[in-house]
N, C-alpha and C. Protein backbone atom coordinates (compact mmCIF):
# COMPACT_ATOMS: atom_id res chain seq x y z
N MET A 1 148.83 148.21 124.58
CA MET A 1 148.60 147.75 123.25
C MET A 1 149.98 147.49 122.62
N ALA A 2 150.15 146.27 122.14
CA ALA A 2 151.44 145.90 121.57
C ALA A 2 151.65 146.57 120.22
N LYS A 3 152.88 147.01 120.01
CA LYS A 3 153.29 147.60 118.74
C LYS A 3 153.96 146.51 117.88
N GLN A 4 154.25 146.84 116.65
CA GLN A 4 154.82 145.87 115.73
C GLN A 4 156.12 145.22 116.22
N PRO A 5 157.02 145.93 116.90
CA PRO A 5 158.25 145.26 117.36
C PRO A 5 157.99 144.06 118.28
N PHE A 6 156.92 144.11 119.07
CA PHE A 6 156.55 142.97 119.90
C PHE A 6 156.20 141.77 119.02
N TYR A 7 155.42 142.01 117.98
CA TYR A 7 155.04 140.93 117.07
C TYR A 7 156.22 140.46 116.24
N ASP A 8 157.13 141.35 115.91
CA ASP A 8 158.34 140.95 115.20
C ASP A 8 159.14 139.97 116.05
N TRP A 9 159.24 140.24 117.37
CA TRP A 9 159.92 139.31 118.27
C TRP A 9 159.20 137.97 118.27
N ALA A 10 157.88 137.97 118.44
CA ALA A 10 157.10 136.72 118.48
C ALA A 10 157.24 135.96 117.16
N ASN A 11 157.22 136.67 116.05
CA ASN A 11 157.39 136.02 114.75
C ASN A 11 158.77 135.38 114.64
N GLY A 12 159.78 136.00 115.23
CA GLY A 12 161.13 135.42 115.22
C GLY A 12 161.24 134.19 116.10
N VAL A 13 160.48 134.16 117.20
CA VAL A 13 160.51 133.00 118.09
C VAL A 13 159.82 131.81 117.43
N PHE A 14 158.76 132.09 116.66
CA PHE A 14 157.98 131.04 116.00
C PHE A 14 157.95 131.29 114.49
N PRO A 15 159.09 131.10 113.80
CA PRO A 15 159.16 131.45 112.38
C PRO A 15 158.30 130.56 111.47
N ASP A 16 157.87 129.40 111.95
CA ASP A 16 157.09 128.50 111.11
C ASP A 16 155.59 128.71 111.22
N THR A 17 155.17 129.72 111.96
CA THR A 17 153.74 130.02 112.10
C THR A 17 153.39 131.22 111.23
N THR A 18 152.10 131.44 111.06
CA THR A 18 151.65 132.60 110.30
C THR A 18 152.09 133.87 111.01
N PRO A 19 152.77 134.77 110.33
CA PRO A 19 153.25 135.99 110.98
C PRO A 19 152.10 136.82 111.56
N MET A 20 152.37 137.41 112.71
CA MET A 20 151.40 138.28 113.37
C MET A 20 151.79 139.73 113.14
N ASN A 21 150.79 140.56 113.03
CA ASN A 21 151.02 141.99 112.84
C ASN A 21 150.15 142.77 113.80
N ALA A 22 150.66 143.89 114.26
CA ALA A 22 149.92 144.72 115.21
C ALA A 22 148.56 145.12 114.68
N GLY A 23 148.46 145.40 113.40
CA GLY A 23 147.20 145.83 112.82
C GLY A 23 146.14 144.73 112.77
N ASP A 24 146.57 143.48 112.94
CA ASP A 24 145.64 142.36 112.90
C ASP A 24 145.00 142.08 114.25
N GLU A 25 145.56 142.63 115.30
CA GLU A 25 145.09 142.33 116.65
C GLU A 25 143.97 143.26 117.07
N HIS A 26 142.94 142.69 117.64
CA HIS A 26 141.81 143.48 118.11
C HIS A 26 141.58 143.29 119.61
N GLU A 27 142.38 142.45 120.22
CA GLU A 27 142.27 142.16 121.65
C GLU A 27 143.39 142.89 122.37
N HIS A 28 143.07 143.54 123.47
CA HIS A 28 144.07 144.27 124.24
C HIS A 28 143.94 143.86 125.71
N SER A 29 145.03 143.92 126.40
CA SER A 29 145.05 143.56 127.81
C SER A 29 144.75 144.78 128.67
N SER A 30 144.12 144.53 129.80
CA SER A 30 143.85 145.58 130.78
C SER A 30 144.41 145.12 132.11
N TYR A 31 144.97 146.05 132.84
CA TYR A 31 145.55 145.77 134.15
C TYR A 31 144.98 146.75 135.16
N LEU A 32 144.52 146.23 136.27
CA LEU A 32 144.01 147.09 137.33
C LEU A 32 145.16 147.50 138.24
N ILE A 33 145.25 148.79 138.50
CA ILE A 33 146.29 149.32 139.39
C ILE A 33 145.64 150.25 140.39
N ASP A 34 146.41 150.69 141.33
CA ASP A 34 145.93 151.64 142.34
C ASP A 34 145.62 152.96 141.66
N ASN A 35 144.33 153.31 141.56
CA ASN A 35 143.96 154.50 140.80
C ASN A 35 144.29 155.80 141.52
N THR A 36 144.63 155.76 142.80
CA THR A 36 145.01 157.00 143.47
C THR A 36 146.35 157.51 142.92
N LEU A 37 147.15 156.60 142.40
CA LEU A 37 148.43 156.99 141.81
C LEU A 37 148.26 157.49 140.39
N LEU A 38 147.28 156.99 139.70
CA LEU A 38 147.10 157.22 138.28
C LEU A 38 146.91 158.69 137.92
N PHE A 39 146.07 159.38 138.62
CA PHE A 39 145.67 160.72 138.19
C PHE A 39 146.79 161.74 138.31
N HIS A 40 147.69 161.55 139.23
CA HIS A 40 148.74 162.54 139.44
C HIS A 40 149.85 162.42 138.40
N GLU A 41 150.33 161.23 138.21
CA GLU A 41 151.46 161.01 137.31
C GLU A 41 151.29 159.66 136.62
N PRO A 42 150.50 159.57 135.56
CA PRO A 42 150.27 158.26 134.93
C PRO A 42 151.56 157.58 134.46
N LYS A 43 152.48 158.33 133.87
CA LYS A 43 153.71 157.71 133.36
C LYS A 43 154.57 157.18 134.50
N SER A 44 154.68 157.93 135.59
CA SER A 44 155.48 157.43 136.71
C SER A 44 154.77 156.26 137.39
N THR A 45 153.44 156.26 137.38
CA THR A 45 152.71 155.11 137.90
C THR A 45 153.02 153.88 137.07
N LEU A 46 153.03 154.03 135.76
CA LEU A 46 153.33 152.91 134.87
C LEU A 46 154.73 152.36 135.15
N ARG A 47 155.64 153.23 135.54
CA ARG A 47 157.01 152.77 135.83
C ARG A 47 157.03 151.81 137.02
N ASN A 48 156.00 151.84 137.86
CA ASN A 48 155.91 150.90 138.98
C ASN A 48 155.46 149.51 138.52
N TYR A 49 154.85 149.43 137.35
CA TYR A 49 154.22 148.18 136.90
C TYR A 49 154.75 147.64 135.57
N TRP A 50 155.56 148.38 134.87
CA TRP A 50 155.93 148.02 133.51
C TRP A 50 156.54 146.63 133.41
N LYS A 51 157.39 146.26 134.35
CA LYS A 51 158.09 144.97 134.24
C LYS A 51 157.12 143.80 134.35
N ALA A 52 156.18 143.88 135.29
CA ALA A 52 155.18 142.82 135.43
C ALA A 52 154.30 142.73 134.18
N ILE A 53 153.94 143.88 133.62
CA ILE A 53 153.13 143.90 132.40
C ILE A 53 153.93 143.31 131.24
N PHE A 54 155.17 143.72 131.11
CA PHE A 54 156.04 143.23 130.03
C PHE A 54 156.16 141.71 130.12
N MET A 55 156.44 141.20 131.30
CA MET A 55 156.60 139.76 131.48
C MET A 55 155.31 139.01 131.16
N GLU A 56 154.19 139.56 131.55
CA GLU A 56 152.90 138.93 131.26
C GLU A 56 152.65 138.88 129.75
N GLN A 57 152.96 139.96 129.06
CA GLN A 57 152.75 140.00 127.62
C GLN A 57 153.70 139.04 126.89
N LEU A 58 154.95 138.98 127.31
CA LEU A 58 155.89 138.04 126.70
C LEU A 58 155.44 136.61 126.96
N ASN A 59 155.03 136.33 128.19
CA ASN A 59 154.58 134.99 128.56
C ASN A 59 153.32 134.58 127.78
N SER A 60 152.52 135.56 127.39
CA SER A 60 151.32 135.24 126.62
C SER A 60 151.67 134.74 125.22
N MET A 61 152.86 135.06 124.76
CA MET A 61 153.32 134.61 123.44
C MET A 61 154.21 133.38 123.54
N CYS A 62 155.09 133.38 124.54
CA CYS A 62 156.05 132.27 124.69
C CYS A 62 156.39 132.11 126.16
N THR A 63 156.15 130.92 126.68
CA THR A 63 156.37 130.68 128.11
C THR A 63 157.83 130.38 128.45
N ASP A 64 158.70 130.36 127.47
CA ASP A 64 160.13 130.10 127.72
C ASP A 64 160.86 131.43 127.89
N PRO A 65 161.19 131.80 129.13
CA PRO A 65 161.86 133.09 129.34
C PRO A 65 163.23 133.20 128.68
N ASP A 66 163.81 132.07 128.28
CA ASP A 66 165.10 132.14 127.58
C ASP A 66 164.96 132.79 126.20
N THR A 67 163.75 132.85 125.67
CA THR A 67 163.53 133.49 124.37
C THR A 67 163.24 134.98 124.51
N TRP A 68 163.00 135.43 125.73
CA TRP A 68 162.61 136.82 125.96
C TRP A 68 163.80 137.76 125.78
N PRO A 69 163.53 138.97 125.36
CA PRO A 69 164.61 139.96 125.29
C PRO A 69 164.97 140.43 126.69
N LYS A 70 166.09 141.12 126.80
CA LYS A 70 166.44 141.73 128.07
C LYS A 70 165.42 142.84 128.36
N LEU A 71 164.80 142.77 129.52
CA LEU A 71 163.73 143.71 129.85
C LEU A 71 164.32 145.06 130.26
N SER A 72 163.74 146.11 129.67
CA SER A 72 164.13 147.46 130.04
C SER A 72 162.93 148.38 129.81
N TRP A 73 162.91 149.47 130.53
CA TRP A 73 161.86 150.47 130.36
C TRP A 73 161.84 150.97 128.91
N LYS A 74 163.01 151.23 128.36
CA LYS A 74 163.10 151.73 127.00
C LYS A 74 162.47 150.75 126.01
N LEU A 75 162.80 149.47 126.13
CA LEU A 75 162.23 148.47 125.24
C LEU A 75 160.72 148.35 125.44
N PHE A 76 160.27 148.41 126.68
CA PHE A 76 158.84 148.36 126.97
C PHE A 76 158.11 149.47 126.23
N THR A 77 158.63 150.69 126.30
CA THR A 77 157.95 151.81 125.65
C THR A 77 158.06 151.74 124.12
N GLN A 78 159.06 151.04 123.60
CA GLN A 78 159.17 150.84 122.16
C GLN A 78 158.18 149.77 121.67
N TRP A 79 157.86 148.82 122.54
CA TRP A 79 157.03 147.69 122.14
C TRP A 79 155.55 147.86 122.49
N PHE A 80 155.22 148.80 123.40
CA PHE A 80 153.84 148.92 123.86
C PHE A 80 153.40 150.37 123.99
N ASP A 81 152.15 150.61 123.65
CA ASP A 81 151.46 151.85 123.98
C ASP A 81 150.52 151.54 125.12
N CYS A 82 150.45 152.42 126.08
CA CYS A 82 149.57 152.20 127.23
C CYS A 82 148.53 153.31 127.30
N HIS A 83 147.33 152.92 127.60
CA HIS A 83 146.23 153.85 127.75
C HIS A 83 145.65 153.68 129.14
N PHE A 84 145.31 154.77 129.76
CA PHE A 84 144.82 154.73 131.14
C PHE A 84 143.33 155.04 131.19
N SER A 85 142.68 154.38 132.11
CA SER A 85 141.26 154.63 132.35
C SER A 85 141.01 154.48 133.84
N SER A 86 140.15 155.31 134.36
CA SER A 86 139.87 155.24 135.79
C SER A 86 138.61 154.43 136.09
N MET A 87 137.95 153.93 135.06
CA MET A 87 136.70 153.22 135.29
C MET A 87 136.69 151.88 134.56
N VAL A 88 136.11 150.88 135.24
CA VAL A 88 135.86 149.57 134.65
C VAL A 88 134.42 149.23 134.98
N TYR A 89 133.66 148.81 133.98
CA TYR A 89 132.25 148.50 134.19
C TYR A 89 132.01 147.01 133.94
N ASP A 90 131.30 146.39 134.83
CA ASP A 90 130.90 145.00 134.68
C ASP A 90 129.45 144.98 134.21
N LEU A 91 129.21 144.55 132.99
CA LEU A 91 127.87 144.57 132.42
C LEU A 91 127.17 143.22 132.51
N GLN A 92 127.78 142.28 133.20
CA GLN A 92 127.19 140.95 133.35
C GLN A 92 126.39 140.85 134.63
N ASP A 93 125.38 139.98 134.63
CA ASP A 93 124.58 139.75 135.83
C ASP A 93 125.24 138.76 136.78
N GLU A 94 126.14 137.92 136.25
CA GLU A 94 126.80 136.91 137.07
C GLU A 94 127.87 137.55 137.95
N PRO A 95 128.16 136.91 139.10
CA PRO A 95 129.24 137.43 139.94
C PRO A 95 130.58 137.30 139.22
N LEU A 96 131.51 138.14 139.60
CA LEU A 96 132.84 138.09 139.01
C LEU A 96 133.55 136.80 139.38
N TYR A 97 134.33 136.29 138.46
CA TYR A 97 135.16 135.12 138.68
C TYR A 97 136.58 135.62 138.89
N LEU A 98 137.20 135.24 139.97
CA LEU A 98 138.55 135.69 140.28
C LEU A 98 139.53 134.55 140.09
N GLU A 99 140.53 134.77 139.28
CA GLU A 99 141.58 133.78 139.06
C GLU A 99 142.89 134.41 139.50
N ILE A 100 143.57 133.77 140.41
CA ILE A 100 144.80 134.33 141.00
C ILE A 100 145.99 133.49 140.53
N TYR A 101 147.01 134.18 140.02
CA TYR A 101 148.25 133.53 139.59
C TYR A 101 149.35 133.88 140.59
N ASP A 102 150.13 132.91 140.93
CA ASP A 102 151.29 133.16 141.79
C ASP A 102 152.56 133.14 141.01
């Protein structure tokens, strides 16, 4: 879940748009990871994935990596709160649609 500093960065990249605030957002991203790692050390598990998550979140706001801040674990934890769950439920009758990005 993005914190206000993430939106402050996005607002700075796009100063002519309506400012975004963390409290206005109701959509959150979910990432599937190897759950065998999760239960023992969730924070150290996150350290295996933080950079990919950070890049995905930045790219969701601005696709120009030249506008991105220097990526670091410290900045990631300042900009995002992460919540862990061991279960995902599919409540739809249709088969899952898989979209793969390279």
